[in-house]
Amino acid sequence: MKMTESNGRLNRTSFFSIGMKFKTDKVYLHHYERFYEKYLSQYRDTSVRLLEIGLGCDMIQAIGASARTWREYLGDQAEIHILEIDMKCGEKWFSTIGKQINVILHYGDQENVMFLETFKSKMNKFDIIIDDGGHTMNQQRTSLITLSPLVRTGGLYIIEDLETSYRRFYGGQYLNSSTTIGMLKSFIDDVQSEVPVKTVPVSARIFSFEIGDGICILTIK
Protein backbone atom coordinates (compact mmCIF):
# COMPACT_ATOMS: atom_id res chain seq x y z
CA MET A 1 0.00 0.00 0.00
CA LYS A 2 1.56 3.29 -1.07
CA MET A 3 1.59 5.96 1.61
CA THR A 4 2.78 9.54 1.80
CA GLU A 5 4.16 11.55 4.71
CA SER A 6 2.23 14.67 5.69
CA ASN A 7 2.58 16.64 8.93
CA GLY A 8 4.11 13.68 10.69
CA ARG A 9 1.24 11.37 9.74
CA LEU A 10 1.03 8.60 7.16
CA ASN A 11 -1.74 9.17 4.64
CA ARG A 12 -2.93 6.55 2.19
CA THR A 13 -3.10 7.34 -1.50
CA SER A 14 -6.68 8.30 -2.35
CA PHE A 15 -9.07 6.24 -4.46
CA PHE A 16 -9.18 9.11 -6.93
CA SER A 17 -5.40 9.16 -7.39
CA ILE A 18 -5.20 5.40 -7.81
CA GLY A 19 -8.15 5.39 -10.20
CA MET A 20 -6.59 8.11 -12.32
CA LYS A 21 -3.32 6.19 -12.41
CA PHE A 22 -5.08 3.21 -14.00
CA LYS A 23 -7.50 5.34 -16.05
CA THR A 24 -10.72 3.85 -14.69
CA ASP A 25 -13.88 5.73 -15.65
CA LYS A 26 -15.03 5.25 -12.06
CA VAL A 27 -13.16 8.47 -11.32
CA TYR A 28 -12.42 10.51 -14.45
CA LEU A 29 -15.96 10.19 -15.81
CA HIS A 30 -18.36 9.15 -13.05
CA HIS A 31 -16.60 10.46 -9.92
CA TYR A 32 -17.62 7.49 -7.80
CA GLU A 33 -14.59 8.15 -5.60
CA ARG A 34 -16.83 10.17 -3.30
CA PHE A 35 -18.77 7.01 -2.49
CA TYR A 36 -15.93 4.51 -2.57
CA GLU A 37 -13.82 6.48 -0.10
CA LYS A 38 -16.83 6.71 2.21
CA TYR A 39 -17.82 3.05 2.11
CA LEU A 40 -14.68 1.09 1.24
CA SER A 41 -11.88 2.86 3.12
CA GLN A 42 -12.63 0.66 6.15
CA TYR A 43 -11.62 -2.39 4.12
CA ARG A 44 -8.14 -1.22 3.16
CA ASP A 45 -5.34 -3.58 4.24
CA THR A 46 -7.84 -6.24 5.34
CA SER A 47 -8.73 -9.68 3.98
CA VAL A 48 -11.88 -8.27 2.34
CA ARG A 49 -13.58 -10.41 -0.31
CA LEU A 50 -14.74 -8.38 -3.32
CA LEU A 51 -16.53 -9.50 -6.49
CA GLU A 52 -16.88 -7.13 -9.42
CA ILE A 53 -19.07 -7.97 -12.40
CA GLY A 54 -17.28 -6.82 -15.54
CA LEU A 55 -13.59 -6.63 -16.43
CA GLY A 56 -14.15 -3.79 -18.87
CA CYS A 57 -13.47 -5.71 -22.07
CA ASP A 58 -15.45 -3.14 -24.07
CA MET A 59 -12.97 -0.43 -23.02
CA ILE A 60 -9.97 -1.31 -25.18
CA GLN A 61 -7.57 1.16 -23.58
CA ALA A 62 -8.61 0.38 -20.01
CA ILE A 63 -9.37 -3.35 -19.75
CA GLY A 64 -8.98 -4.37 -16.12
CA ALA A 65 -8.53 -0.78 -14.93
CA SER A 66 -10.91 -1.18 -12.02
CA ALA A 67 -9.40 -4.55 -11.01
CA ARG A 68 -5.98 -2.90 -10.83
CA THR A 69 -7.49 -0.02 -8.88
CA TRP A 70 -9.06 -2.40 -6.35
CA ARG A 71 -5.78 -4.24 -5.86
CA GLU A 72 -3.77 -1.10 -5.15
CA TYR A 73 -6.51 0.59 -3.13
CA LEU A 74 -7.47 -2.39 -0.95
CA GLY A 75 -4.01 -3.90 -0.62
CA ASP A 76 -2.39 -7.31 -0.98
CA GLN A 77 -4.63 -9.04 1.59
CA ALA A 78 -7.82 -8.43 -0.39
CA GLU A 79 -9.34 -11.35 -2.30
CA ILE A 80 -10.49 -9.87 -5.60
CA HIS A 81 -12.81 -11.76 -7.94
CA ILE A 82 -14.00 -10.64 -11.38
CA LEU A 83 -16.98 -12.11 -13.25
CA GLU A 84 -16.62 -11.57 -17.00
CA ILE A 85 -18.61 -12.87 -19.98
CA ASP A 86 -15.81 -12.55 -22.55
CA MET A 87 -13.43 -15.44 -21.86
CA LYS A 88 -11.06 -14.64 -24.72
CA CYS A 89 -10.56 -11.10 -23.46
CA GLY A 90 -10.33 -12.25 -19.85
CA GLU A 91 -7.71 -14.92 -20.49
CA LYS A 92 -5.55 -12.55 -22.51
CA TRP A 93 -5.68 -9.91 -19.76
CA PHE A 94 -5.08 -12.48 -17.02
CA SER A 95 -1.98 -13.85 -18.75
CA THR A 96 -0.37 -10.41 -18.89
CA ILE A 97 -1.70 -8.51 -15.86
CA GLY A 98 -4.32 -10.38 -13.83
CA LYS A 99 -1.95 -13.14 -12.77
CA GLN A 100 0.61 -10.62 -11.57
CA ILE A 101 -1.84 -8.78 -9.34
CA ASN A 102 -3.47 -11.97 -8.03
CA VAL A 103 -7.02 -11.50 -9.31
CA ILE A 104 -9.40 -14.46 -9.63
CA LEU A 105 -11.42 -14.56 -12.86
CA HIS A 106 -14.75 -16.31 -13.41
CA TYR A 107 -16.61 -16.53 -16.70
CA GLY A 108 -20.35 -16.40 -17.26
CA ASP A 109 -23.42 -14.35 -18.14
CA GLN A 110 -24.73 -12.05 -15.42
CA GLU A 111 -28.32 -12.32 -16.67
CA ASN A 112 -28.34 -16.11 -16.85
CA VAL A 113 -30.10 -17.15 -13.64
CA MET A 114 -29.07 -20.80 -13.93
CA PHE A 115 -25.41 -19.83 -14.22
CA LEU A 116 -25.66 -17.35 -11.36
CA GLU A 117 -27.30 -19.92 -9.08
CA THR A 118 -24.51 -22.41 -9.83
CA PHE A 119 -21.87 -19.73 -9.30
CA LYS A 120 -23.50 -18.71 -6.03
CA SER A 121 -23.54 -22.30 -4.75
CA LYS A 122 -19.78 -22.59 -5.25
CA MET A 123 -18.75 -19.30 -3.65
CA ASN A 124 -18.23 -18.24 -0.06
CA LYS A 125 -19.89 -14.97 0.91
CA PHE A 126 -18.42 -11.68 -0.20
CA ASP A 127 -18.06 -8.44 1.73
CA ILE A 128 -18.70 -6.41 -1.42
CA ILE A 129 -20.29 -7.09 -4.80
CA ILE A 130 -20.08 -4.40 -7.49
CA ASP A 131 -22.12 -4.55 -10.68
CA ASP A 132 -20.18 -2.80 -13.43
CA GLY A 133 -21.22 -5.28 -16.10
CA GLY A 134 -23.33 -4.79 -19.20
CA HIS A 135 -25.64 -2.19 -17.63
CA THR A 136 -28.91 -3.44 -19.19
CA MET A 137 -32.03 -3.51 -17.04
CA ASN A 138 -32.25 -7.29 -17.09
CA GLN A 139 -28.57 -7.70 -16.25
CA GLN A 140 -28.67 -5.28 -13.32
CA ARG A 141 -31.95 -6.54 -11.88
CA THR A 142 -31.19 -10.24 -12.36
CA SER A 143 -27.75 -9.92 -10.80
CA LEU A 144 -29.08 -8.03 -7.78
CA ILE A 145 -31.93 -10.44 -7.16
CA THR A 146 -29.80 -13.56 -7.61
CA LEU A 147 -26.44 -12.54 -6.15
CA SER A 148 -27.38 -10.30 -3.21
CA PRO A 149 -27.74 -13.38 -0.93
CA LEU A 150 -24.04 -13.93 -1.60
CA VAL A 151 -23.21 -10.76 0.35
CA ARG A 152 -22.56 -11.23 4.06
CA THR A 153 -24.62 -9.45 6.70
CA GLY A 154 -23.43 -5.84 6.87
CA GLY A 155 -21.78 -6.11 3.47
CA LEU A 156 -22.40 -3.99 0.39
CA TYR A 157 -24.03 -4.54 -2.99
CA ILE A 158 -23.21 -1.70 -5.37
CA ILE A 159 -24.77 -0.95 -8.75
CA GLU A 160 -22.94 1.42 -11.09
CA ASP A 161 -24.07 3.20 -14.27
CA LEU A 162 -27.68 3.73 -13.24
CA GLU A 163 -28.01 6.33 -16.00
CA THR A 164 -28.82 3.44 -18.33
CA SER A 165 -32.27 3.33 -16.71
CA TYR A 166 -33.07 6.32 -18.94
CA ARG A 167 -31.56 4.92 -22.15
CA ARG A 168 -33.66 2.77 -24.46
CA PHE A 169 -30.62 0.93 -25.82
CA TYR A 170 -30.26 -0.70 -22.39
CA GLY A 171 -33.98 -1.25 -21.89
CA GLY A 172 -34.38 1.94 -19.90
CA GLN A 173 -37.14 4.54 -19.95
CA TYR A 174 -37.85 7.54 -17.76
CA LEU A 175 -40.47 6.87 -15.06
CA ASN A 176 -40.78 3.21 -16.02
CA SER A 177 -41.11 0.96 -12.97
CA SER A 178 -39.45 -1.96 -14.77
CA THR A 179 -36.07 -0.22 -14.87
CA THR A 180 -33.36 -0.61 -12.25
CA ILE A 181 -34.11 2.90 -10.99
CA GLY A 182 -37.78 1.92 -10.84
CA MET A 183 -36.92 -1.06 -8.66
CA LEU A 184 -34.74 1.07 -6.38
CA LYS A 185 -37.61 3.51 -5.92
CA SER A 186 -39.74 0.67 -4.58
CA PHE A 187 -37.09 0.01 -1.92
CA ILE A 188 -37.98 3.30 -0.24
CA ASP A 189 -41.25 1.71 0.85
CA ASP A 190 -40.00 -1.84 1.12
CA VAL A 191 -37.26 -1.16 3.70
CA GLN A 192 -39.88 0.27 6.07
CA SER A 193 -41.06 -2.23 8.70
CA GLU A 194 -44.66 -0.99 8.52
CA VAL A 195 -45.12 -1.58 4.79
CA PRO A 196 -47.87 -4.23 4.43
CA VAL A 197 -46.48 -5.90 1.29
CA LYS A 198 -42.97 -5.79 -0.12
CA THR A 199 -43.20 -5.15 -3.85
CA VAL A 200 -39.75 -6.62 -4.59
CA PRO A 201 -38.87 -9.72 -2.53
CA VAL A 202 -35.12 -9.00 -2.62
CA SER A 203 -35.77 -5.86 -0.57
CA ALA A 204 -36.29 -8.07 2.49
CA ARG A 205 -32.49 -8.43 2.59
CA ILE A 206 -31.77 -4.70 2.37
CA PHE A 207 -31.02 -2.78 5.56
CA SER A 208 -30.49 0.61 3.94
CA PHE A 209 -29.20 2.23 0.77
CA GLU A 210 -27.67 5.43 -0.53
CA ILE A 211 -28.18 6.58 -4.09
CA GLY A 212 -26.24 9.19 -6.01
CA ASP A 213 -25.61 10.19 -9.60
CA GLY A 214 -25.23 6.89 -11.46
CA ILE A 215 -24.60 4.71 -8.41
CA CYS A 216 -26.44 2.98 -5.56
CA ILE A 217 -24.85 1.40 -2.48
CA LEU A 218 -27.05 -1.11 -0.68
CA THR A 219 -26.20 -2.38 2.80
CA ILE A 220 -27.31 -5.99 3.24
CA LYS A 221 -29.02 -7.31 6.37
C-alpha atoms as a PDB file:
ATOM      1  CA  MET A   1       0.000   0.000   0.000  1.00  0.00           C
ATOM      2  CA  LYS A   2       1.560   3.287  -1.072  1.00  0.00           C
ATOM      3  CA  MET A   3       1.592   5.959   1.605  1.00  0.00           C
ATOM      4  CA  THR A   4       2.782   9.543   1.802  1.00  0.00           C
ATOM      5  CA  GLU A   5       4.162  11.548   4.708  1.00  0.00           C
ATOM      6  CA  SER A   6       2.232  14.668   5.691  1.00  0.00           C
ATOM      7  CA  ASN A   7       2.580  16.643   8.928  1.00  0.00           C
ATOM      8  CA  GLY A   8       4.113  13.677  10.691  1.00  0.00           C
ATOM      9  CA  ARG A   9       1.236  11.365   9.744  1.00  0.00           C
ATOM     10  CA  LEU A  10       1.029   8.602   7.165  1.00  0.00           C
ATOM     11  CA  ASN A  11      -1.745   9.170   4.636  1.00  0.00           C
ATOM     12  CA  ARG A  12      -2.934   6.548   2.193  1.00  0.00           C
ATOM     13  CA  THR A  13      -3.095   7.341  -1.498  1.00  0.00           C
ATOM     14  CA  SER A  14      -6.679   8.299  -2.354  1.00  0.00           C
ATOM     15  CA  PHE A  15      -9.069   6.239  -4.457  1.00  0.00           C
ATOM     16  CA  PHE A  16      -9.177   9.115  -6.926  1.00  0.00           C
ATOM     17  CA  SER A  17      -5.398   9.164  -7.386  1.00  0.00           C
ATOM     18  CA  ILE A  18      -5.197   5.400  -7.814  1.00  0.00           C
ATOM     19  CA  GLY A  19      -8.149   5.385 -10.203  1.00  0.00           C
ATOM     20  CA  MET A  20      -6.588   8.112 -12.323  1.00  0.00           C
ATOM     21  CA  LYS A  21      -3.322   6.187 -12.406  1.00  0.00           C
ATOM     22  CA  PHE A  22      -5.084   3.209 -13.996  1.00  0.00           C
ATOM     23  CA  LYS A  23      -7.503   5.341 -16.046  1.00  0.00           C
ATOM     24  CA  THR A  24     -10.719   3.851 -14.690  1.00  0.00           C
ATOM     25  CA  ASP A  25     -13.877   5.728 -15.651  1.00  0.00           C
ATOM     26  CA  LYS A  26     -15.025   5.248 -12.063  1.00  0.00           C
ATOM     27  CA  VAL A  27     -13.157   8.474 -11.319  1.00  0.00           C
ATOM     28  CA  TYR A  28     -12.418  10.512 -14.446  1.00  0.00           C
ATOM     29  CA  LEU A  29     -15.960  10.190 -15.811  1.00  0.00           C
ATOM     30  CA  HIS A  30     -18.356   9.152 -13.047  1.00  0.00           C
ATOM     31  CA  HIS A  31     -16.597  10.464  -9.916  1.00  0.00           C
ATOM     32  CA  TYR A  32     -17.618   7.495  -7.804  1.00  0.00           C
ATOM     33  CA  GLU A  33     -14.586   8.151  -5.600  1.00  0.00           C
ATOM     34  CA  ARG A  34     -16.826  10.173  -3.299  1.00  0.00           C
ATOM     35  CA  PHE A  35     -18.771   7.012  -2.492  1.00  0.00           C
ATOM     36  CA  TYR A  36     -15.931   4.507  -2.566  1.00  0.00           C
ATOM     37  CA  GLU A  37     -13.820   6.477  -0.099  1.00  0.00           C
ATOM     38  CA  LYS A  38     -16.832   6.713   2.208  1.00  0.00           C
ATOM     39  CA  TYR A  39     -17.822   3.048   2.111  1.00  0.00           C
ATOM     40  CA  LEU A  40     -14.680   1.092   1.242  1.00  0.00           C
ATOM     41  CA  SER A  41     -11.875   2.857   3.121  1.00  0.00           C
ATOM     42  CA  GLN A  42     -12.634   0.661   6.153  1.00  0.00           C
ATOM     43  CA  TYR A  43     -11.623  -2.392   4.119  1.00  0.00           C
ATOM     44  CA  ARG A  44      -8.142  -1.216   3.160  1.00  0.00           C
ATOM     45  CA  ASP A  45      -5.343  -3.584   4.237  1.00  0.00           C
ATOM     46  CA  THR A  46      -7.840  -6.241   5.342  1.00  0.00           C
ATOM     47  CA  SER A  47      -8.725  -9.678   3.981  1.00  0.00           C
ATOM     48  CA  VAL A  48     -11.875  -8.274   2.344  1.00  0.00           C
ATOM     49  CA  ARG A  49     -13.579 -10.410  -0.314  1.00  0.00           C
ATOM     50  CA  LEU A  50     -14.743  -8.385  -3.322  1.00  0.00           C
ATOM     51  CA  LEU A  51     -16.533  -9.497  -6.485  1.00  0.00           C
ATOM     52  CA  GLU A  52     -16.883  -7.132  -9.416  1.00  0.00           C
ATOM     53  CA  ILE A  53     -19.067  -7.974 -12.403  1.00  0.00           C
ATOM     54  CA  GLY A  54     -17.281  -6.816 -15.540  1.00  0.00           C
ATOM     55  CA  LEU A  55     -13.591  -6.633 -16.429  1.00  0.00           C
ATOM     56  CA  GLY A  56     -14.154  -3.785 -18.871  1.00  0.00           C
ATOM     57  CA  CYS A  57     -13.473  -5.706 -22.071  1.00  0.00           C
ATOM     58  CA  ASP A  58     -15.452  -3.138 -24.071  1.00  0.00           C
ATOM     59  CA  MET A  59     -12.966  -0.433 -23.024  1.00  0.00           C
ATOM     60  CA  ILE A  60      -9.972  -1.307 -25.184  1.00  0.00           C
ATOM     61  CA  GLN A  61      -7.565   1.165 -23.579  1.00  0.00           C
ATOM     62  CA  ALA A  62      -8.608   0.377 -20.013  1.00  0.00           C
ATOM     63  CA  ILE A  63      -9.371  -3.349 -19.753  1.00  0.00           C
ATOM     64  CA  GLY A  64      -8.982  -4.367 -16.119  1.00  0.00           C
ATOM     65  CA  ALA A  65      -8.529  -0.784 -14.933  1.00  0.00           C
ATOM     66  CA  SER A  66     -10.911  -1.182 -12.025  1.00  0.00           C
ATOM     67  CA  ALA A  67      -9.399  -4.546 -11.006  1.00  0.00           C
ATOM     68  CA  ARG A  68      -5.984  -2.899 -10.831  1.00  0.00           C
ATOM     69  CA  THR A  69      -7.491  -0.016  -8.881  1.00  0.00           C
ATOM     70  CA  TRP A  70      -9.057  -2.399  -6.347  1.00  0.00           C
ATOM     71  CA  ARG A  71      -5.783  -4.236  -5.858  1.00  0.00           C
ATOM     72  CA  GLU A  72      -3.774  -1.099  -5.152  1.00  0.00           C
ATOM     73  CA  TYR A  73      -6.513   0.591  -3.126  1.00  0.00           C
ATOM     74  CA  LEU A  74      -7.473  -2.387  -0.953  1.00  0.00           C
ATOM     75  CA  GLY A  75      -4.006  -3.902  -0.624  1.00  0.00           C
ATOM     76  CA  ASP A  76      -2.395  -7.315  -0.978  1.00  0.00           C
ATOM     77  CA  GLN A  77      -4.625  -9.042   1.586  1.00  0.00           C
ATOM     78  CA  ALA A  78      -7.819  -8.430  -0.389  1.00  0.00           C
ATOM     79  CA  GLU A  79      -9.336 -11.346  -2.303  1.00  0.00           C
ATOM     80  CA  ILE A  80     -10.495  -9.867  -5.596  1.00  0.00           C
ATOM     81  CA  HIS A  81     -12.806 -11.765  -7.943  1.00  0.00           C
ATOM     82  CA  ILE A  82     -13.996 -10.645 -11.377  1.00  0.00           C
ATOM     83  CA  LEU A  83     -16.985 -12.107 -13.251  1.00  0.00           C
ATOM     84  CA  GLU A  84     -16.616 -11.570 -17.001  1.00  0.00           C
ATOM     85  CA  ILE A  85     -18.614 -12.867 -19.976  1.00  0.00           C
ATOM     86  CA  ASP A  86     -15.809 -12.552 -22.549  1.00  0.00           C
ATOM     87  CA  MET A  87     -13.435 -15.438 -21.859  1.00  0.00           C
ATOM     88  CA  LYS A  88     -11.062 -14.640 -24.721  1.00  0.00           C
ATOM     89  CA  CYS A  89     -10.560 -11.104 -23.458  1.00  0.00           C
ATOM     90  CA  GLY A  90     -10.327 -12.250 -19.848  1.00  0.00           C
ATOM     91  CA  GLU A  91      -7.715 -14.921 -20.489  1.00  0.00           C
ATOM     92  CA  LYS A  92      -5.547 -12.550 -22.513  1.00  0.00           C
ATOM     93  CA  TRP A  93      -5.679  -9.914 -19.763  1.00  0.00           C
ATOM     94  CA  PHE A  94      -5.079 -12.476 -17.022  1.00  0.00           C
ATOM     95  CA  SER A  95      -1.981 -13.845 -18.746  1.00  0.00           C
ATOM     96  CA  THR A  96      -0.372 -10.408 -18.891  1.00  0.00           C
ATOM     97  CA  ILE A  97      -1.702  -8.514 -15.863  1.00  0.00           C
ATOM     98  CA  GLY A  98      -4.315 -10.383 -13.826  1.00  0.00           C
ATOM     99  CA  LYS A  99      -1.949 -13.137 -12.773  1.00  0.00           C
ATOM    100  CA  GLN A 100       0.614 -10.615 -11.573  1.00  0.00           C
ATOM    101  CA  ILE A 101      -1.837  -8.782  -9.343  1.00  0.00           C
ATOM    102  CA  ASN A 102      -3.470 -11.974  -8.028  1.00  0.00           C
ATOM    103  CA  VAL A 103      -7.017 -11.499  -9.306  1.00  0.00           C
ATOM    104  CA  ILE A 104      -9.404 -14.461  -9.627  1.00  0.00           C
ATOM    105  CA  LEU A 105     -11.421 -14.555 -12.859  1.00  0.00           C
ATOM    106  CA  HIS A 106     -14.753 -16.313 -13.413  1.00  0.00           C
ATOM    107  CA  TYR A 107     -16.611 -16.533 -16.704  1.00  0.00           C
ATOM    108  CA  GLY A 108     -20.347 -16.398 -17.258  1.00  0.00           C
ATOM    109  CA  ASP A 109     -23.418 -14.354 -18.140  1.00  0.00           C
ATOM    110  CA  GLN A 110     -24.732 -12.049 -15.422  1.00  0.00           C
ATOM    111  CA  GLU A 111     -28.324 -12.316 -16.667  1.00  0.00           C
ATOM    112  CA  ASN A 112     -28.341 -16.113 -16.846  1.00  0.00           C
ATOM    113  CA  VAL A 113     -30.101 -17.151 -13.640  1.00  0.00           C
ATOM    114  CA  MET A 114     -29.069 -20.799 -13.926  1.00  0.00           C
ATOM    115  CA  PHE A 115     -25.412 -19.831 -14.225  1.00  0.00           C
ATOM    116  CA  LEU A 116     -25.657 -17.345 -11.358  1.00  0.00           C
ATOM    117  CA  GLU A 117     -27.295 -19.921  -9.077  1.00  0.00           C
ATOM    118  CA  THR A 118     -24.512 -22.406  -9.833  1.00  0.00           C
ATOM    119  CA  PHE A 119     -21.871 -19.726  -9.299  1.00  0.00           C
ATOM    120  CA  LYS A 120     -23.496 -18.711  -6.026  1.00  0.00           C
ATOM    121  CA  SER A 121     -23.543 -22.298  -4.754  1.00  0.00           C
ATOM    122  CA  LYS A 122     -19.777 -22.594  -5.253  1.00  0.00           C
ATOM    123  CA  MET A 123     -18.746 -19.301  -3.655  1.00  0.00           C
ATOM    124  CA  ASN A 124     -18.233 -18.242  -0.056  1.00  0.00           C
ATOM    125  CA  LYS A 125     -19.889 -14.972   0.912  1.00  0.00           C
ATOM    126  CA  PHE A 126     -18.420 -11.679  -0.201  1.00  0.00           C
ATOM    127  CA  ASP A 127     -18.056  -8.442   1.733  1.00  0.00           C
ATOM    128  CA  ILE A 128     -18.695  -6.409  -1.421  1.00  0.00           C
ATOM    129  CA  ILE A 129     -20.290  -7.093  -4.799  1.00  0.00           C
ATOM    130  CA  ILE A 130     -20.083  -4.396  -7.487  1.00  0.00           C
ATOM    131  CA  ASP A 131     -22.124  -4.555 -10.681  1.00  0.00           C
ATOM    132  CA  ASP A 132     -20.178  -2.802 -13.429  1.00  0.00           C
ATOM    133  CA  GLY A 133     -21.220  -5.277 -16.098  1.00  0.00           C
ATOM    134  CA  GLY A 134     -23.332  -4.791 -19.204  1.00  0.00           C
ATOM    135  CA  HIS A 135     -25.639  -2.187 -17.633  1.00  0.00           C
ATOM    136  CA  THR A 136     -28.906  -3.443 -19.193  1.00  0.00           C
ATOM    137  CA  MET A 137     -32.025  -3.512 -17.045  1.00  0.00           C
ATOM    138  CA  ASN A 138     -32.252  -7.294 -17.095  1.00  0.00           C
ATOM    139  CA  GLN A 139     -28.574  -7.699 -16.252  1.00  0.00           C
ATOM    140  CA  GLN A 140     -28.666  -5.281 -13.322  1.00  0.00           C
ATOM    141  CA  ARG A 141     -31.948  -6.541 -11.876  1.00  0.00           C
ATOM    142  CA  THR A 142     -31.187 -10.240 -12.363  1.00  0.00           C
ATOM    143  CA  SER A 143     -27.746  -9.918 -10.795  1.00  0.00           C
ATOM    144  CA  LEU A 144     -29.075  -8.030  -7.778  1.00  0.00           C
ATOM    145  CA  ILE A 145     -31.932 -10.442  -7.156  1.00  0.00           C
ATOM    146  CA  THR A 146     -29.797 -13.555  -7.610  1.00  0.00           C
ATOM    147  CA  LEU A 147     -26.444 -12.538  -6.149  1.00  0.00           C
ATOM    148  CA  SER A 148     -27.384 -10.298  -3.211  1.00  0.00           C
ATOM    149  CA  PRO A 149     -27.741 -13.375  -0.932  1.00  0.00           C
ATOM    150  CA  LEU A 150     -24.037 -13.934  -1.604  1.00  0.00           C
ATOM    151  CA  VAL A 151     -23.214 -10.755   0.355  1.00  0.00           C
ATOM    152  CA  ARG A 152     -22.559 -11.229   4.064  1.00  0.00           C
ATOM    153  CA  THR A 153     -24.617  -9.447   6.700  1.00  0.00           C
ATOM    154  CA  GLY A 154     -23.433  -5.840   6.868  1.00  0.00           C
ATOM    155  CA  GLY A 155     -21.777  -6.110   3.474  1.00  0.00           C
ATOM    156  CA  LEU A 156     -22.402  -3.990   0.388  1.00  0.00           C
ATOM    157  CA  TYR A 157     -24.031  -4.542  -2.994  1.00  0.00           C
ATOM    158  CA  ILE A 158     -23.209  -1.697  -5.371  1.00  0.00           C
ATOM    159  CA  ILE A 159     -24.766  -0.950  -8.754  1.00  0.00           C
ATOM    160  CA  GLU A 160     -22.941   1.420 -11.092  1.00  0.00           C
ATOM    161  CA  ASP A 161     -24.068   3.203 -14.268  1.00  0.00           C
ATOM    162  CA  LEU A 162     -27.676   3.733 -13.241  1.00  0.00           C
ATOM    163  CA  GLU A 163     -28.005   6.332 -16.000  1.00  0.00           C
ATOM    164  CA  THR A 164     -28.818   3.437 -18.329  1.00  0.00           C
ATOM    165  CA  SER A 165     -32.270   3.331 -16.713  1.00  0.00           C
ATOM    166  CA  TYR A 166     -33.065   6.317 -18.940  1.00  0.00           C
ATOM    167  CA  ARG A 167     -31.556   4.918 -22.151  1.00  0.00           C
ATOM    168  CA  ARG A 168     -33.664   2.771 -24.462  1.00  0.00           C
ATOM    169  CA  PHE A 169     -30.623   0.930 -25.823  1.00  0.00           C
ATOM    170  CA  TYR A 170     -30.258  -0.699 -22.391  1.00  0.00           C
ATOM    171  CA  GLY A 171     -33.979  -1.248 -21.891  1.00  0.00           C
ATOM    172  CA  GLY A 172     -34.380   1.944 -19.903  1.00  0.00           C
ATOM    173  CA  GLN A 173     -37.142   4.539 -19.954  1.00  0.00           C
ATOM    174  CA  TYR A 174     -37.850   7.541 -17.757  1.00  0.00           C
ATOM    175  CA  LEU A 175     -40.473   6.866 -15.063  1.00  0.00           C
ATOM    176  CA  ASN A 176     -40.779   3.209 -16.017  1.00  0.00           C
ATOM    177  CA  SER A 177     -41.114   0.958 -12.966  1.00  0.00           C
ATOM    178  CA  SER A 178     -39.452  -1.961 -14.770  1.00  0.00           C
ATOM    179  CA  THR A 179     -36.070  -0.221 -14.872  1.00  0.00           C
ATOM    180  CA  THR A 180     -33.361  -0.611 -12.252  1.00  0.00           C
ATOM    181  CA  ILE A 181     -34.109   2.902 -10.990  1.00  0.00           C
ATOM    182  CA  GLY A 182     -37.779   1.925 -10.838  1.00  0.00           C
ATOM    183  CA  MET A 183     -36.918  -1.059  -8.659  1.00  0.00           C
ATOM    184  CA  LEU A 184     -34.737   1.071  -6.385  1.00  0.00           C
ATOM    185  CA  LYS A 185     -37.605   3.513  -5.915  1.00  0.00           C
ATOM    186  CA  SER A 186     -39.741   0.674  -4.579  1.00  0.00           C
ATOM    187  CA  PHE A 187     -37.090   0.007  -1.925  1.00  0.00           C
ATOM    188  CA  ILE A 188     -37.983   3.300  -0.236  1.00  0.00           C
ATOM    189  CA  ASP A 189     -41.252   1.713   0.851  1.00  0.00           C
ATOM    190  CA  ASP A 190     -39.999  -1.838   1.122  1.00  0.00           C
ATOM    191  CA  VAL A 191     -37.264  -1.155   3.700  1.00  0.00           C
ATOM    192  CA  GLN A 192     -39.876   0.269   6.074  1.00  0.00           C
ATOM    193  CA  SER A 193     -41.061  -2.228   8.697  1.00  0.00           C
ATOM    194  CA  GLU A 194     -44.664  -0.985   8.516  1.00  0.00           C
ATOM    195  CA  VAL A 195     -45.122  -1.584   4.792  1.00  0.00           C
ATOM    196  CA  PRO A 196     -47.874  -4.235   4.427  1.00  0.00           C
ATOM    197  CA  VAL A 197     -46.484  -5.900   1.288  1.00  0.00           C
ATOM    198  CA  LYS A 198     -42.968  -5.790  -0.120  1.00  0.00           C
ATOM    199  CA  THR A 199     -43.196  -5.149  -3.854  1.00  0.00           C
ATOM    200  CA  VAL A 200     -39.752  -6.615  -4.595  1.00  0.00           C
ATOM    201  CA  PRO A 201     -38.865  -9.725  -2.530  1.00  0.00           C
ATOM    202  CA  VAL A 202     -35.121  -8.999  -2.617  1.00  0.00           C
ATOM    203  CA  SER A 203     -35.772  -5.865  -0.573  1.00  0.00           C
ATOM    204  CA  ALA A 204     -36.285  -8.071   2.488  1.00  0.00           C
ATOM    205  CA  ARG A 205     -32.493  -8.425   2.594  1.00  0.00           C
ATOM    206  CA  ILE A 206     -31.766  -4.695   2.374  1.00  0.00           C
ATOM    207  CA  PHE A 207     -31.019  -2.779   5.561  1.00  0.00           C
ATOM    208  CA  SER A 208     -30.489   0.614   3.938  1.00  0.00           C
ATOM    209  CA  PHE A 209     -29.198   2.228   0.772  1.00  0.00           C
ATOM    210  CA  GLU A 210     -27.668   5.431  -0.534  1.00  0.00           C
ATOM    211  CA  ILE A 211     -28.179   6.584  -4.090  1.00  0.00           C
ATOM    212  CA  GLY A 212     -26.239   9.193  -6.010  1.00  0.00           C
ATOM    213  CA  ASP A 213     -25.615  10.186  -9.600  1.00  0.00           C
ATOM    214  CA  GLY A 214     -25.230   6.892 -11.457  1.00  0.00           C
ATOM    215  CA  ILE A 215     -24.603   4.708  -8.407  1.00  0.00           C
ATOM    216  CA  CYS A 216     -26.438   2.984  -5.556  1.00  0.00           C
ATOM    217  CA  ILE A 217     -24.848   1.402  -2.480  1.00  0.00           C
ATOM    218  CA  LEU A 218     -27.046  -1.111  -0.679  1.00  0.00           C
ATOM    219  CA  THR A 219     -26.198  -2.384   2.802  1.00  0.00           C
ATOM    220  CA  ILE A 220     -27.314  -5.988   3.241  1.00  0.00           C
ATOM    221  CA  LYS A 221     -29.025  -7.315   6.365  1.00  0.00           C
END
